[in-house]
Amino acid sequence: MGLWLKLKAYENQEDLRKSNRLMKYPLWNQKGEKIKEVTLPKEVFEQEMNEDLVHQAVTVEQANQRIPIAHTKTRGEVSGSGVKPWRQKGTGRARAGSVRSPIWRGGGIVFGPRKDRDFHKKINQKMKQKALAIVLSSKIRDKELKIIDALSLKEPKTKLMAGILEKMGLGESTLILAGQVNMNLIQACRNLPKIEVRLAQQVTPLNILQFKNLLITEPTIKILEGRL
C-alpha cells in the first residue's frame, strides 16, 4: 500500500511538473476566427529577455553571412616592371627600387581590404537555441505572434493569401513559419511586400527579428520544441 501511494504521489508530481511547463494560447483558423486554445511549452515561448545573448547570436549570424567583396592588390600583384627606374646615385632624385612601390601612384596598396579575409565567428549551440527561444517569447509578450491551425491554399493566388492575412489582423512585415515546403504558399506570398515564408527547421533569431509579426501553423510548435 505504501508503494502504491508513493507511485501515485510521483505521478501527481510529474503531472504538476508537466502543467507548469505548458501555457495556453489562442488558435485561429483561416477565416480569422478563434477556434480554441493550444498548449505551448514554456521552455520555448516563455523565456525572460536577455538582450546581450540575442545581440551576440545575431552578430554571429550576420558575421557568418558576410561575404567580403572589396579587394586591393599588393605590390606583388599590381602590373609594372620590376626594373629599377633609375640608378641609385647621381640623379639628384630620391632612391627608388620599383614602380610598384606603395608610395608611387599606381603602386601596390599596404594594409588594404582583402577578399580572402575570414569574418566567421562561433557561438555555443545552447546559446543559439536559447536566443531563438527568447526571440519567440518576446513575440508573445509583444502580442505579435499568431498561431493558425493550417495554411492550405488550393491555388497559388496572392489575393487568397492577402485575404487570410487581413482576417488575421496581420499587415505588412510578417514572417510565416511552415512545417514543410508548400509551393502554393510560397508563390502566393511572393508578390506581397514584406511577407516571407520560412521553414521552422531553419529559422534563426535574425530571421524573426527582421519582421514585426510572426505567423506559425499549429504543427510548427512541435518542430520548434524539438529544436529547442
Protein backbone atom coordinates (compact mmCIF):
# COMPACT_ATOMS: atom_id res chain seq x y z
CA MET A 1 0.00 0.00 0.00
CA GLY A 2 2.84 2.34 0.87
CA LEU A 3 4.50 1.70 -2.50
CA TRP A 4 1.24 2.47 -4.34
CA LEU A 5 0.90 5.79 -2.51
CA LYS A 6 4.49 6.70 -3.40
CA LEU A 7 3.90 5.90 -7.06
CA LYS A 8 0.67 7.94 -7.03
CA ALA A 9 2.44 10.88 -5.42
CA TYR A 10 5.19 10.62 -8.03
CA GLU A 11 2.62 10.64 -10.85
CA ASN A 12 0.94 13.70 -9.33
CA GLN A 13 4.31 15.47 -9.17
CA GLU A 14 5.00 14.59 -12.81
CA ASP A 15 1.57 15.92 -13.86
CA LEU A 16 2.22 19.14 -11.92
CA ARG A 17 5.67 19.48 -13.49
CA LYS A 18 4.21 19.00 -16.97
CA SER A 19 1.43 21.51 -16.32
CA ASN A 20 3.98 24.05 -15.16
CA ARG A 21 5.84 23.58 -18.46
CA LEU A 22 2.78 24.48 -20.55
CA MET A 23 0.93 27.69 -21.31
CA LYS A 24 -2.33 28.42 -23.15
CA TYR A 25 -2.53 30.48 -26.33
CA PRO A 26 -5.41 31.09 -28.78
CA LEU A 27 -5.56 29.19 -32.07
CA TRP A 28 -7.07 30.79 -35.18
CA ASN A 29 -8.37 29.44 -38.49
CA GLN A 30 -8.05 30.87 -42.00
CA LYS A 31 -11.32 32.76 -41.59
CA GLY A 32 -9.84 34.81 -38.78
CA GLU A 33 -11.89 33.02 -36.10
CA LYS A 34 -10.57 31.96 -32.73
CA ILE A 35 -11.44 28.27 -32.53
CA LYS A 36 -9.71 27.01 -29.37
CA GLU A 37 -6.61 27.28 -27.21
CA VAL A 38 -3.40 25.32 -27.69
CA THR A 39 -0.74 24.48 -25.14
CA LEU A 40 2.71 25.94 -25.71
CA PRO A 41 5.90 24.77 -23.98
CA LYS A 42 7.19 27.46 -21.61
CA GLU A 43 10.80 26.47 -22.42
CA VAL A 44 10.21 27.82 -25.93
CA PHE A 45 7.64 30.59 -25.53
CA GLU A 46 8.14 31.95 -22.01
CA GLN A 47 11.78 32.93 -21.65
CA GLU A 48 13.00 36.11 -19.98
CA MET A 49 14.63 38.70 -22.21
CA ASN A 50 18.41 38.59 -22.44
CA GLU A 51 19.45 41.34 -24.82
CA ASP A 52 23.17 40.53 -24.59
CA LEU A 53 22.62 36.92 -25.66
CA VAL A 54 20.29 37.88 -28.52
CA HIS A 55 22.76 40.53 -29.70
CA GLN A 56 25.59 38.00 -29.66
CA ALA A 57 23.58 35.42 -31.61
CA VAL A 58 22.53 37.99 -34.23
CA THR A 59 26.05 39.39 -34.56
CA VAL A 60 27.49 35.91 -35.10
CA GLU A 61 24.87 35.11 -37.74
CA GLN A 62 25.47 38.37 -39.60
CA ALA A 63 29.24 37.85 -39.49
CA ASN A 64 28.91 34.31 -40.87
CA GLN A 65 26.76 35.60 -43.74
CA ARG A 66 29.24 38.33 -44.63
CA ILE A 67 30.96 37.94 -47.98
CA PRO A 68 33.96 40.27 -48.44
CA ILE A 69 33.95 41.94 -51.86
CA ALA A 70 36.49 44.78 -51.61
CA HIS A 71 39.94 43.61 -52.67
CA THR A 72 43.14 45.59 -53.18
CA LYS A 73 46.40 44.42 -54.76
CA THR A 74 49.74 44.40 -53.03
CA ARG A 75 52.99 45.44 -54.71
CA GLY A 76 53.46 41.83 -55.77
CA GLU A 77 50.14 41.77 -57.64
CA VAL A 78 49.95 45.12 -59.49
CA SER A 79 51.21 45.34 -63.03
CA GLY A 80 54.51 47.07 -63.71
CA SER A 81 58.15 46.38 -64.47
CA GLY A 82 60.50 45.04 -61.85
CA VAL A 83 63.39 47.04 -63.28
CA LYS A 84 64.88 49.77 -61.10
CA PRO A 85 63.52 53.11 -62.50
CA TRP A 86 66.91 54.88 -62.32
CA ARG A 87 70.34 54.33 -60.85
CA GLN A 88 70.79 54.55 -57.13
CA LYS A 89 73.03 57.61 -57.04
CA GLY A 90 73.91 60.65 -59.08
CA THR A 91 70.49 61.69 -60.43
CA GLY A 92 69.51 64.02 -57.62
CA ARG A 93 66.25 62.15 -57.13
CA ALA A 94 65.15 60.03 -54.19
CA ARG A 95 66.14 56.39 -54.22
CA ALA A 96 63.61 54.10 -55.97
CA GLY A 97 63.67 50.39 -56.49
CA SER A 98 60.36 49.65 -58.24
CA VAL A 99 57.44 51.42 -59.92
CA ARG A 100 55.17 49.07 -57.97
CA SER A 101 56.19 50.58 -54.66
CA PRO A 102 53.24 51.56 -52.39
CA ILE A 103 54.48 55.17 -52.24
CA TRP A 104 54.19 55.52 -56.02
CA ARG A 105 50.98 56.35 -57.85
CA GLY A 106 49.66 53.12 -59.38
CA GLY A 107 51.71 51.05 -56.96
CA GLY A 108 50.56 48.40 -54.55
CA ILE A 109 48.30 49.05 -51.53
CA VAL A 110 49.51 48.47 -47.98
CA PHE A 111 47.02 47.04 -45.43
CA GLY A 112 44.08 47.42 -47.83
CA PRO A 113 40.91 45.26 -47.74
CA ARG A 114 41.33 41.69 -48.98
CA LYS A 115 38.55 39.38 -50.16
CA ASP A 116 40.20 36.38 -48.52
CA ARG A 117 39.52 37.81 -45.05
CA ASP A 118 37.53 35.47 -42.78
CA PHE A 119 34.78 37.11 -40.68
CA HIS A 120 33.46 33.80 -39.36
CA LYS A 121 32.51 33.63 -35.65
CA LYS A 122 31.38 30.80 -33.40
CA ILE A 123 28.69 30.52 -30.77
CA ASN A 124 27.70 27.71 -28.45
CA GLN A 125 24.78 25.59 -29.69
CA LYS A 126 22.87 26.01 -26.41
CA MET A 127 23.32 29.78 -26.61
CA LYS A 128 21.92 29.74 -30.14
CA GLN A 129 18.89 27.74 -29.03
CA LYS A 130 18.33 29.96 -26.01
CA ALA A 131 18.45 33.10 -28.18
CA LEU A 132 15.81 31.65 -30.52
CA ALA A 133 13.53 30.83 -27.57
CA ILE A 134 13.98 34.37 -26.18
CA VAL A 135 13.02 35.93 -29.51
CA LEU A 136 9.95 33.70 -29.82
CA SER A 137 8.94 34.60 -26.26
CA SER A 138 9.29 38.29 -26.99
CA LYS A 139 6.82 37.96 -29.87
CA ILE A 140 4.23 36.56 -27.46
CA ARG A 141 4.84 39.30 -24.87
CA ASP A 142 4.51 41.98 -27.56
CA LYS A 143 1.35 40.30 -28.94
CA GLU A 144 2.98 39.93 -32.34
CA LEU A 145 2.52 36.15 -32.64
CA LYS A 146 -0.48 34.42 -34.21
CA ILE A 147 -0.99 30.65 -34.41
CA ILE A 148 -3.16 29.26 -37.20
CA ASP A 149 -4.44 25.69 -37.45
CA ALA A 150 -3.31 25.29 -41.08
CA LEU A 151 -2.40 27.24 -44.19
CA SER A 152 -3.84 25.34 -47.12
CA LEU A 153 -4.22 27.13 -50.44
CA LYS A 154 -5.84 25.36 -53.37
CA GLU A 155 -4.16 27.77 -55.79
CA PRO A 156 -1.02 29.93 -55.56
CA LYS A 157 -3.08 33.12 -55.54
CA THR A 158 -1.70 36.26 -53.93
CA LYS A 159 -5.25 37.51 -53.39
CA LEU A 160 -6.12 34.45 -51.28
CA MET A 161 -3.09 34.88 -49.03
CA ALA A 162 -3.68 38.62 -48.67
CA GLY A 163 -7.24 37.88 -47.56
CA ILE A 164 -6.07 35.42 -44.91
CA LEU A 165 -3.53 37.88 -43.53
CA GLU A 166 -6.15 40.63 -43.43
CA LYS A 167 -8.58 38.40 -41.50
CA MET A 168 -5.80 37.52 -39.06
CA GLY A 169 -5.08 41.19 -38.48
CA LEU A 170 -1.61 40.92 -39.96
CA GLY A 171 -0.42 43.55 -42.39
CA GLU A 172 3.00 44.16 -43.83
CA SER A 173 6.16 42.81 -42.21
CA THR A 174 5.05 39.29 -41.36
CA LEU A 175 7.15 36.14 -41.23
CA ILE A 176 5.30 32.87 -41.84
CA LEU A 177 6.77 29.69 -40.39
CA ALA A 178 5.79 26.49 -42.16
CA GLY A 179 6.48 22.89 -41.17
CA GLN A 180 7.20 21.74 -44.72
CA VAL A 181 7.70 23.15 -48.20
CA ASN A 182 4.41 24.39 -49.64
CA MET A 183 4.85 25.83 -53.12
CA ASN A 184 1.32 27.25 -53.26
CA LEU A 185 2.01 29.18 -50.06
CA ILE A 186 5.43 30.37 -51.22
CA GLN A 187 4.15 31.55 -54.60
CA ALA A 188 1.10 33.23 -53.04
CA CYS A 189 3.33 35.28 -50.74
CA ARG A 190 5.93 36.12 -53.38
CA ASN A 191 4.28 39.36 -54.53
CA LEU A 192 3.21 40.53 -51.07
CA PRO A 193 5.51 43.27 -49.72
CA LYS A 194 7.48 42.37 -46.60
CA ILE A 195 5.89 38.91 -46.33
CA GLU A 196 8.22 35.92 -46.25
CA VAL A 197 7.85 32.17 -45.75
CA ARG A 198 10.50 30.12 -43.95
CA LEU A 199 10.77 26.58 -42.66
CA ALA A 200 10.63 26.17 -38.89
CA GLN A 201 13.59 23.78 -39.07
CA GLN A 202 15.84 26.55 -40.42
CA VAL A 203 14.55 29.78 -38.85
CA THR A 204 17.02 31.85 -36.84
CA PRO A 205 16.69 34.73 -34.34
CA LEU A 206 17.77 37.19 -37.04
CA ASN A 207 15.02 35.98 -39.41
CA ILE A 208 12.35 36.60 -36.76
CA LEU A 209 13.70 39.99 -35.67
CA GLN A 210 13.61 41.26 -39.26
CA PHE A 211 9.78 41.17 -39.18
CA LYS A 212 7.25 42.77 -36.87
CA ASN A 213 4.70 39.92 -36.85
CA LEU A 214 5.09 36.16 -36.72
CA LEU A 215 2.53 33.67 -38.04
CA ILE A 216 3.06 29.98 -37.35
CA THR A 217 0.99 26.88 -38.04
CA GLU A 218 -0.03 24.51 -35.26
CA PRO A 219 2.26 21.63 -36.37
CA THR A 220 5.18 24.07 -36.29
CA ILE A 221 5.01 24.17 -32.48
CA LYS A 222 6.27 20.59 -32.22
CA ILE A 223 9.09 21.31 -34.65
CA LEU A 224 10.26 24.34 -32.66
CA GLU A 225 10.01 22.38 -29.41
CA GLY A 226 12.10 19.60 -30.93
CA ARG A 227 14.78 22.09 -31.98
CA LEU A 228 14.97 23.70 -28.54
